Amino acid sequence: MSKSENKNVVEVHGCLVCAKLFDMLVEYTPEGGLLNCTVTSPGGHIVPDEQRPLVACDTHTVEDIEIAYIGWQSRFREDSDNPHEDE
């Protein structure tokens, strides 16, 4: 039996506030869950989230990032409220 290993992937993600692109090294469990991530491009930092790798520019204020994060989260709540909208 082979042992399952975590998977490291280089991904491109946009800043939550302005959509500037950053390279990220993301570590996933064998089942696809997020374990860890780091921004490998200069000028960005991780925005903590347990399920998805998120990034924001170092130049944005904490308040701007929080507002963008709340807006980003609301997309998922709206989708789950009306699962048959696209039918």
PDB file of N, CA and C in Angstrom:
ATOM      1  N   MET A   1       0.850  -1.162   0.000  1.00  0.00           N
ATOM      2  CA  MET A   1       0.000   0.000   0.000  1.00  0.00           C
ATOM      3  C   MET A   1       0.904   1.236   0.000  1.00  0.00           C
ATOM      4  N   SER A   2       0.610   2.198  -0.883  1.00  0.00           N
ATOM      5  CA  SER A   2       1.427   3.406  -0.925  1.00  0.00           C
ATOM      6  C   SER A   2       0.855   4.454   0.024  1.00  0.00           C
ATOM      7  N   LYS A   3       1.748   5.183   0.628  1.00  0.00           N
ATOM      8  CA  LYS A   3       1.355   6.231   1.573  1.00  0.00           C
ATOM      9  C   LYS A   3       0.966   7.488   0.795  1.00  0.00           C
ATOM     10  N   SER A   4      -0.193   8.051   1.119  1.00  0.00           N
ATOM     11  CA  SER A   4      -0.609   9.298   0.484  1.00  0.00           C
ATOM     12  C   SER A   4       0.236  10.438   1.012  1.00  0.00           C
ATOM     13  N   GLU A   5       0.588  11.337   0.116  1.00  0.00           N
ATOM     14  CA  GLU A   5       1.403  12.477   0.510  1.00  0.00           C
ATOM     15  C   GLU A   5       0.676  13.769   0.202  1.00  0.00           C
ATOM     16  N   ASN A   6       1.021  14.804   0.958  1.00  0.00           N
ATOM     17  CA  ASN A   6       0.480  16.117   0.683  1.00  0.00           C
ATOM     18  C   ASN A   6       0.988  16.592  -0.671  1.00  0.00           C
ATOM     19  N   LYS A   7       0.237  17.469  -1.289  1.00  0.00           N
ATOM     20  CA  LYS A   7       0.569  17.957  -2.620  1.00  0.00           C
ATOM     21  C   LYS A   7       0.902  19.441  -2.549  1.00  0.00           C
ATOM     22  N   ASN A   8       2.078  19.818  -3.058  1.00  0.00           N
ATOM     23  CA  ASN A   8       2.491  21.219  -3.143  1.00  0.00           C
ATOM     24  C   ASN A   8       2.266  21.715  -4.566  1.00  0.00           C
ATOM     25  N   VAL A   9       1.580  22.840  -4.692  1.00  0.00           N
ATOM     26  CA  VAL A   9       1.219  23.379  -5.998  1.00  0.00           C
ATOM     27  C   VAL A   9       1.541  24.867  -6.030  1.00  0.00           C
ATOM     28  N   VAL A  10       2.114  25.343  -7.142  1.00  0.00           N
ATOM     29  CA  VAL A  10       2.281  26.776  -7.357  1.00  0.00           C
ATOM     30  C   VAL A  10       1.032  27.262  -8.081  1.00  0.00           C
ATOM     31  N   GLU A  11       0.359  28.245  -7.489  1.00  0.00           N
ATOM     32  CA  GLU A  11      -0.877  28.784  -8.047  1.00  0.00           C
ATOM     33  C   GLU A  11      -0.780  30.294  -8.155  1.00  0.00           C
ATOM     34  N   VAL A  12      -1.593  30.869  -9.027  1.00  0.00           N
ATOM     35  CA  VAL A  12      -1.680  32.317  -9.164  1.00  0.00           C
ATOM     36  C   VAL A  12      -3.026  32.741  -8.576  1.00  0.00           C
ATOM     37  N   HIS A  13      -2.984  33.712  -7.658  1.00  0.00           N
ATOM     38  CA  HIS A  13      -4.198  34.240  -7.033  1.00  0.00           C
ATOM     39  C   HIS A  13      -4.171  35.750  -7.077  1.00  0.00           C
ATOM     40  N   GLY A  14      -5.347  36.340  -7.195  1.00  0.00           N
ATOM     41  CA  GLY A  14      -5.468  37.790  -7.232  1.00  0.00           C
ATOM     42  C   GLY A  14      -5.711  38.376  -5.865  1.00  0.00           C
ATOM     43  N   CYS A  15      -5.189  39.571  -5.654  1.00  0.00           N
ATOM     44  CA  CYS A  15      -5.421  40.317  -4.409  1.00  0.00           C
ATOM     45  C   CYS A  15      -6.928  40.472  -4.198  1.00  0.00           C
ATOM     46  N   LEU A  16      -7.370  40.265  -2.978  1.00  0.00           N
ATOM     47  CA  LEU A  16      -8.785  40.416  -2.653  1.00  0.00           C
ATOM     48  C   LEU A  16      -9.293  41.827  -2.912  1.00  0.00           C
ATOM     49  N   VAL A  17      -8.423  42.813  -2.796  1.00  0.00           N
ATOM     50  CA  VAL A  17      -8.847  44.204  -2.911  1.00  0.00           C
ATOM     51  C   VAL A  17      -8.784  44.700  -4.358  1.00  0.00           C
ATOM     52  N   CYS A  18      -7.655  44.470  -5.028  1.00  0.00           N
ATOM     53  CA  CYS A  18      -7.456  45.077  -6.354  1.00  0.00           C
ATOM     54  C   CYS A  18      -7.215  44.071  -7.478  1.00  0.00           C
ATOM     55  N   ALA A  19      -7.129  42.806  -7.173  1.00  0.00           N
ATOM     56  CA  ALA A  19      -6.951  41.717  -8.146  1.00  0.00           C
ATOM     57  C   ALA A  19      -5.539  41.625  -8.726  1.00  0.00           C
ATOM     58  N   LYS A  20      -4.559  42.354  -8.197  1.00  0.00           N
ATOM     59  CA  LYS A  20      -3.177  42.182  -8.649  1.00  0.00           C
ATOM     60  C   LYS A  20      -2.784  40.726  -8.430  1.00  0.00           C
ATOM     61  N   LEU A  21      -2.065  40.148  -9.401  1.00  0.00           N
ATOM     62  CA  LEU A  21      -1.748  38.728  -9.338  1.00  0.00           C
ATOM     63  C   LEU A  21      -0.471  38.444  -8.546  1.00  0.00           C
ATOM     64  N   PHE A  22      -0.534  37.356  -7.772  1.00  0.00           N
ATOM     65  CA  PHE A  22       0.596  36.897  -6.970  1.00  0.00           C
ATOM     66  C   PHE A  22       0.753  35.397  -7.140  1.00  0.00           C
ATOM     67  N   ASP A  23       2.007  34.939  -7.153  1.00  0.00           N
ATOM     68  CA  ASP A  23       2.294  33.511  -7.119  1.00  0.00           C
ATOM     69  C   ASP A  23       2.231  33.049  -5.670  1.00  0.00           C
ATOM     70  N   MET A  24       1.643  31.877  -5.478  1.00  0.00           N
ATOM     71  CA  MET A  24       1.545  31.308  -4.141  1.00  0.00           C
ATOM     72  C   MET A  24       1.944  29.840  -4.196  1.00  0.00           C
ATOM     73  N   LEU A  25       2.628  29.390  -3.157  1.00  0.00           N
ATOM     74  CA  LEU A  25       2.907  27.979  -2.970  1.00  0.00           C
ATOM     75  C   LEU A  25       1.868  27.470  -1.991  1.00  0.00           C
ATOM     76  N   VAL A  26       1.067  26.509  -2.443  1.00  0.00           N
ATOM     77  CA  VAL A  26      -0.061  26.025  -1.653  1.00  0.00           C
ATOM     78  C   VAL A  26       0.132  24.540  -1.383  1.00  0.00           C
ATOM     79  N   GLU A  27      -0.090  24.135  -0.136  1.00  0.00           N
ATOM     80  CA  GLU A  27       0.017  22.732   0.256  1.00  0.00           C
ATOM     81  C   GLU A  27      -1.378  22.202   0.571  1.00  0.00           C
ATOM     82  N   TYR A  28      -1.732  21.098  -0.120  1.00  0.00           N
ATOM     83  CA  TYR A  28      -3.030  20.455   0.063  1.00  0.00           C
ATOM     84  C   TYR A  28      -2.848  19.065   0.644  1.00  0.00           C
ATOM     85  N   THR A  29      -3.838  18.603   1.403  1.00  0.00           N
ATOM     86  CA  THR A  29      -3.865  17.229   1.881  1.00  0.00           C
ATOM     87  C   THR A  29      -4.170  16.319   0.699  1.00  0.00           C
ATOM     88  N   PRO A  30      -3.950  15.023   0.841  1.00  0.00           N
ATOM     89  CA  PRO A  30      -4.313  14.102  -0.244  1.00  0.00           C
ATOM     90  C   PRO A  30      -5.803  14.169  -0.609  1.00  0.00           C
ATOM     91  N   GLU A  31      -6.631  14.575   0.341  1.00  0.00           N
ATOM     92  CA  GLU A  31      -8.073  14.694   0.103  1.00  0.00           C
ATOM     93  C   GLU A  31      -8.449  16.033  -0.517  1.00  0.00           C
ATOM     94  N   GLY A  32      -7.493  16.955  -0.657  1.00  0.00           N
ATOM     95  CA  GLY A  32      -7.764  18.249  -1.279  1.00  0.00           C
ATOM     96  C   GLY A  32      -7.983  19.400  -0.312  1.00  0.00           C
ATOM     97  N   GLY A  33      -7.841  19.159   0.983  1.00  0.00           N
ATOM     98  CA  GLY A  33      -8.001  20.233   1.955  1.00  0.00           C
ATOM     99  C   GLY A  33      -6.759  21.117   2.020  1.00  0.00           C
ATOM    100  N   LEU A  34      -6.957  22.383   2.312  1.00  0.00           N
ATOM    101  CA  LEU A  34      -5.850  23.337   2.422  1.00  0.00           C
ATOM    102  C   LEU A  34      -5.100  23.112   3.729  1.00  0.00           C
ATOM    103  N   LEU A  35      -3.794  22.941   3.624  1.00  0.00           N
ATOM    104  CA  LEU A  35      -2.948  22.795   4.806  1.00  0.00           C
ATOM    105  C   LEU A  35      -2.198  24.081   5.125  1.00  0.00           C
ATOM    106  N   ASN A  36      -1.570  24.649   4.090  1.00  0.00           N
ATOM    107  CA  ASN A  36      -0.709  25.805   4.298  1.00  0.00           C
ATOM    108  C   ASN A  36      -0.521  26.507   2.970  1.00  0.00           C
ATOM    109  N   CYS A  37      -0.167  27.789   3.033  1.00  0.00           N
ATOM    110  CA  CYS A  37       0.161  28.511   1.813  1.00  0.00           C
ATOM    111  C   CYS A  37       1.076  29.680   2.152  1.00  0.00           C
ATOM    112  N   THR A  38       1.818  30.106   1.139  1.00  0.00           N
ATOM    113  CA  THR A  38       2.703  31.244   1.292  1.00  0.00           C
ATOM    114  C   THR A  38       2.754  32.009  -0.021  1.00  0.00           C
ATOM    115  N   VAL A  39       2.885  33.308   0.061  1.00  0.00           N
ATOM    116  CA  VAL A  39       3.010  34.149  -1.124  1.00  0.00           C
ATOM    117  C   VAL A  39       4.483  34.154  -1.524  1.00  0.00           C
ATOM    118  N   THR A  40       4.756  33.806  -2.773  1.00  0.00           N
ATOM    119  CA  THR A  40       6.143  33.764  -3.234  1.00  0.00           C
ATOM    120  C   THR A  40       6.510  34.975  -4.088  1.00  0.00           C
ATOM    121  N   SER A  41       5.549  35.793  -4.454  1.00  0.00           N
ATOM    122  CA  SER A  41       5.815  37.039  -5.168  1.00  0.00           C
ATOM    123  C   SER A  41       6.001  38.161  -4.147  1.00  0.00           C
ATOM    124  N   PRO A  42       6.844  39.144  -4.466  1.00  0.00           N
ATOM    125  CA  PRO A  42       7.014  40.265  -3.536  1.00  0.00           C
ATOM    126  C   PRO A  42       5.777  41.168  -3.499  1.00  0.00           C
ATOM    127  N   GLY A  43       5.546  41.763  -2.326  1.00  0.00           N
ATOM    128  CA  GLY A  43       4.502  42.768  -2.195  1.00  0.00           C
ATOM    129  C   GLY A  43       3.153  42.271  -1.744  1.00  0.00           C
ATOM    130  N   GLY A  44       3.055  41.000  -1.389  1.00  0.00           N
ATOM    131  CA  GLY A  44       1.775  40.467  -0.946  1.00  0.00           C
ATOM    132  C   GLY A  44       1.904  39.642   0.305  1.00  0.00           C
ATOM    133  N   HIS A  45       0.770  39.405   0.956  1.00  0.00           N
ATOM    134  CA  HIS A  45       0.753  38.571   2.158  1.00  0.00           C
ATOM    135  C   HIS A  45      -0.536  37.760   2.198  1.00  0.00           C
ATOM    136  N   ILE A  46      -0.509  36.710   2.977  1.00  0.00           N
ATOM    137  CA  ILE A  46      -1.645  35.807   3.135  1.00  0.00           C
ATOM    138  C   ILE A  46      -2.775  36.508   3.879  1.00  0.00           C
ATOM    139  N   VAL A  47      -3.997  36.259   3.426  1.00  0.00           N
ATOM    140  CA  VAL A  47      -5.196  36.630   4.169  1.00  0.00           C
ATOM    141  C   VAL A  47      -5.726  35.315   4.739  1.00  0.00           C
ATOM    142  N   PRO A  48      -5.738  35.165   6.061  1.00  0.00           N
ATOM    143  CA  PRO A  48      -6.101  33.878   6.657  1.00  0.00           C
ATOM    144  C   PRO A  48      -7.509  33.417   6.292  1.00  0.00           C
ATOM    145  N   ASP A  49      -7.596  32.185   5.822  1.00  0.00           N
ATOM    146  CA  ASP A  49      -8.860  31.525   5.524  1.00  0.00           C
ATOM    147  C   ASP A  49      -8.584  30.030   5.624  1.00  0.00           C
ATOM    148  N   GLU A  50      -9.457  29.282   6.255  1.00  0.00           N
ATOM    149  CA  GLU A  50      -9.208  27.863   6.496  1.00  0.00           C
ATOM    150  C   GLU A  50      -9.405  26.996   5.261  1.00  0.00           C
ATOM    151  N   GLN A  51     -10.135  27.499   4.254  1.00  0.00           N
ATOM    152  CA  GLN A  51     -10.487  26.628   3.133  1.00  0.00           C
ATOM    153  C   GLN A  51      -9.840  27.008   1.811  1.00  0.00           C
ATOM    154  N   ARG A  52      -9.403  28.266   1.655  1.00  0.00           N
ATOM    155  CA  ARG A  52      -8.854  28.702   0.376  1.00  0.00           C
ATOM    156  C   ARG A  52      -7.632  29.580   0.572  1.00  0.00           C
ATOM    157  N   PRO A  53      -6.672  29.490  -0.352  1.00  0.00           N
ATOM    158  CA  PRO A  53      -5.520  30.392  -0.290  1.00  0.00           C
ATOM    159  C   PRO A  53      -5.928  31.787  -0.773  1.00  0.00           C
ATOM    160  N   LEU A  54      -5.727  32.782   0.073  1.00  0.00           N
ATOM    161  CA  LEU A  54      -6.091  34.157  -0.258  1.00  0.00           C
ATOM    162  C   LEU A  54      -4.899  35.071  -0.041  1.00  0.00           C
ATOM    163  N   VAL A  55      -4.840  36.152  -0.826  1.00  0.00           N
ATOM    164  CA  VAL A  55      -3.711  37.073  -0.774  1.00  0.00           C
ATOM    165  C   VAL A  55      -4.215  38.505  -0.876  1.00  0.00           C
ATOM    166  N   ALA A  56      -3.447  39.429  -0.303  1.00  0.00           N
ATOM    167  CA  ALA A  56      -3.699  40.862  -0.445  1.00  0.00           C
ATOM    168  C   ALA A  56      -2.363  41.580  -0.557  1.00  0.00           C
ATOM    169  N   CYS A  57      -2.381  42.705  -1.240  1.00  0.00           N
ATOM    170  CA  CYS A  57      -1.177  43.532  -1.370  1.00  0.00           C
ATOM    171  C   CYS A  57      -0.778  44.091  -0.009  1.00  0.00           C
ATOM    172  N   ASP A  58       0.522  44.235   0.203  1.00  0.00           N
ATOM    173  CA  ASP A  58       1.027  44.822   1.449  1.00  0.00           C
ATOM    174  C   ASP A  58       0.607  46.281   1.607  1.00  0.00           C
ATOM    175  N   THR A  59       0.258  46.938   0.512  1.00  0.00           N
ATOM    176  CA  THR A  59      -0.060  48.372   0.560  1.00  0.00           C
ATOM    177  C   THR A  59      -1.487  48.669   1.000  1.00  0.00           C
ATOM    178  N   HIS A  60      -2.370  47.665   1.007  1.00  0.00           N
ATOM    179  CA  HIS A  60      -3.760  47.897   1.403  1.00  0.00           C
ATOM    180  C   HIS A  60      -3.883  47.957   2.921  1.00  0.00           C
ATOM    181  N   THR A  61      -4.818  48.764   3.390  1.00  0.00           N
ATOM    182  CA  THR A  61      -5.050  48.863   4.831  1.00  0.00           C
ATOM    183  C   THR A  61      -5.797  47.624   5.328  1.00  0.00           C
ATOM    184  N   VAL A  62      -5.690  47.384   6.612  1.00  0.00           N
ATOM    185  CA  VAL A  62      -6.409  46.272   7.237  1.00  0.00           C
ATOM    186  C   VAL A  62      -7.908  46.427   6.988  1.00  0.00           C
ATOM    187  N   GLU A  63      -8.406  47.642   7.081  1.00  0.00           N
ATOM    188  CA  GLU A  63      -9.835  47.898   6.873  1.00  0.00           C
ATOM    189  C   GLU A  63     -10.257  47.544   5.450  1.00  0.00           C
ATOM    190  N   ASP A  64      -9.457  47.938   4.453  1.00  0.00           N
ATOM    191  CA  ASP A  64      -9.782  47.626   3.061  1.00  0.00           C
ATOM    192  C   ASP A  64      -9.794  46.120   2.825  1.00  0.00           C
ATOM    193  N   ILE A  65      -8.849  45.432   3.428  1.00  0.00           N
ATOM    194  CA  ILE A  65      -8.779  43.972   3.274  1.00  0.00           C
ATOM    195  C   ILE A  65      -9.976  43.306   3.942  1.00  0.00           C
ATOM    196  N   GLU A  66     -10.355  43.775   5.124  1.00  0.00           N
ATOM    197  CA  GLU A  66     -11.507  43.206   5.826  1.00  0.00           C
ATOM    198  C   GLU A  66     -12.788  43.401   5.027  1.00  0.00           C
ATOM    199  N   ILE A  67     -12.978  44.588   4.456  1.00  0.00           N
ATOM    200  CA  ILE A  67     -14.167  44.864   3.647  1.00  0.00           C
ATOM    201  C   ILE A  67     -14.190  43.952   2.415  1.00  0.00           C
ATOM    202  N   ALA A  68     -13.050  43.813   1.755  1.00  0.00           N
ATOM    203  CA  ALA A  68     -12.965  42.947   0.576  1.00  0.00           C
ATOM    204  C   ALA A  68     -13.224  41.490   0.951  1.00  0.00           C
ATOM    205  N   TYR A  69     -12.706  41.059   2.096  1.00  0.00           N
ATOM    206  CA  TYR A  69     -12.899  39.680   2.546  1.00  0.00           C
ATOM    207  C   TYR A  69     -14.376  39.405   2.829  1.00  0.00           C
ATOM    208  N   ILE A  70     -15.048  40.335   3.469  1.00  0.00           N
ATOM    209  CA  ILE A  70     -16.480  40.174   3.745  1.00  0.00           C
ATOM    210  C   ILE A  70     -17.265  40.089   2.439  1.00  0.00           C
ATOM    211  N   GLY A  71     -16.907  40.939   1.474  1.00  0.00           N
ATOM    212  CA  GLY A  71     -17.564  40.882   0.166  1.00  0.00           C
ATOM    213  C   GLY A  71     -17.295  39.570  -0.541  1.00  0.00           C
ATOM    214  N   TRP A  72     -16.066  39.085  -0.442  1.00  0.00           N
ATOM    215  CA  TRP A  72     -15.696  37.809  -1.060  1.00  0.00           C
ATOM    216  C   TRP A  72     -16.499  36.673  -0.435  1.00  0.00           C
ATOM    217  N   GLN A  73     -16.627  36.669   0.884  1.00  0.00           N
ATOM    218  CA  GLN A  73     -17.388  35.625   1.572  1.00  0.00           C
ATOM    219  C   GLN A  73     -18.862  35.663   1.197  1.00  0.00           C
ATOM    220  N   SER A  74     -19.405  36.855   0.979  1.00  0.00           N
ATOM    221  CA  SER A  74     -20.830  36.985   0.672  1.00  0.00           C
ATOM    222  C   SER A  74     -21.183  36.320  -0.657  1.00  0.00           C
ATOM    223  N   ARG A  75     -20.243  36.208  -1.565  1.00  0.00           N
ATOM    224  CA  ARG A  75     -20.496  35.515  -2.844  1.00  0.00           C
ATOM    225  C   ARG A  75     -20.910  34.078  -2.597  1.00  0.00           C
ATOM    226  N   PHE A  76     -20.305  33.440  -1.623  1.00  0.00           N
ATOM    227  CA  PHE A  76     -20.586  32.040  -1.338  1.00  0.00           C
ATOM    228  C   PHE A  76     -21.921  31.884  -0.625  1.00  0.00           C
ATOM    229  N   ARG A  77     -22.275  32.822   0.236  1.00  0.00           N
ATOM    230  CA  ARG A  77     -23.569  32.770   0.920  1.00  0.00           C
ATOM    231  C   ARG A  77     -24.694  32.946  -0.096  1.00  0.00           C
ATOM    232  N   GLU A  78     -24.559  33.873  -1.036  1.00  0.00           N
ATOM    233  CA  GLU A  78     -25.585  34.098  -2.046  1.00  0.00           C
ATOM    234  C   GLU A  78     -25.752  32.863  -2.911  1.00  0.00           C
ATOM    235  N   ASP A  79     -24.649  32.213  -3.308  1.00  0.00           N
ATOM    236  CA  ASP A  79     -24.721  31.018  -4.128  1.00  0.00           C
ATOM    237  C   ASP A  79     -25.440  29.894  -3.400  1.00  0.00           C
ATOM    238  N   SER A  80     -25.183  29.744  -2.110  1.00  0.00           N
ATOM    239  CA  SER A  80     -25.797  28.645  -1.364  1.00  0.00           C
ATOM    240  C   SER A  80     -27.267  28.931  -1.040  1.00  0.00           C
ATOM    241  N   ASP A  81     -27.686  30.212  -1.039  1.00  0.00           N
ATOM    242  CA  ASP A  81     -29.087  30.552  -0.775  1.00  0.00           C
ATOM    243  C   ASP A  81     -29.984  30.179  -1.950  1.00  0.00           C
ATOM    244  N   ASN A  82     -29.436  30.194  -3.171  1.00  0.00           N
ATOM    245  CA  ASN A  82     -30.243  29.910  -4.347  1.00  0.00           C
ATOM    246  C   ASN A  82     -29.489  28.938  -5.256  1.00  0.00           C
ATOM    247  N   PRO A  83     -29.428  27.658  -4.890  1.00  0.00           N
ATOM    248  CA  PRO A  83     -28.615  26.704  -5.634  1.00  0.00           C
ATOM    249  C   PRO A  83     -29.113  26.408  -7.044  1.00  0.00           C
ATOM    250  N   HIS A  84     -30.370  26.735  -7.363  1.00  0.00           N
ATOM    251  CA  HIS A  84     -30.934  26.422  -8.681  1.00  0.00           C
ATOM    252  C   HIS A  84     -31.037  27.652  -9.571  1.00  0.00           C
ATOM    253  N   GLU A  85     -30.361  28.725  -9.218  1.00  0.00           N
ATOM    254  CA  GLU A  85     -30.458  29.982  -9.962  1.00  0.00           C
ATOM    255  C   GLU A  85     -30.039  29.832 -11.418  1.00  0.00           C
ATOM    256  N   ASP A  86     -29.048  28.986 -11.718  1.00  0.00           N
ATOM    257  CA  ASP A  86     -28.521  28.856 -13.075  1.00  0.00           C
ATOM    258  C   ASP A  86     -29.354  27.929 -13.952  1.00  0.00           C
ATOM    259  N   GLU A  87     -30.337  27.253 -13.403  1.00  0.00           N
ATOM    260  CA  GLU A  87     -31.118  26.280 -14.178  1.00  0.00           C
ATOM    261  C   GLU A  87     -32.137  26.964 -15.056  1.00  0.00           C
TER     262      GLU A  87
END
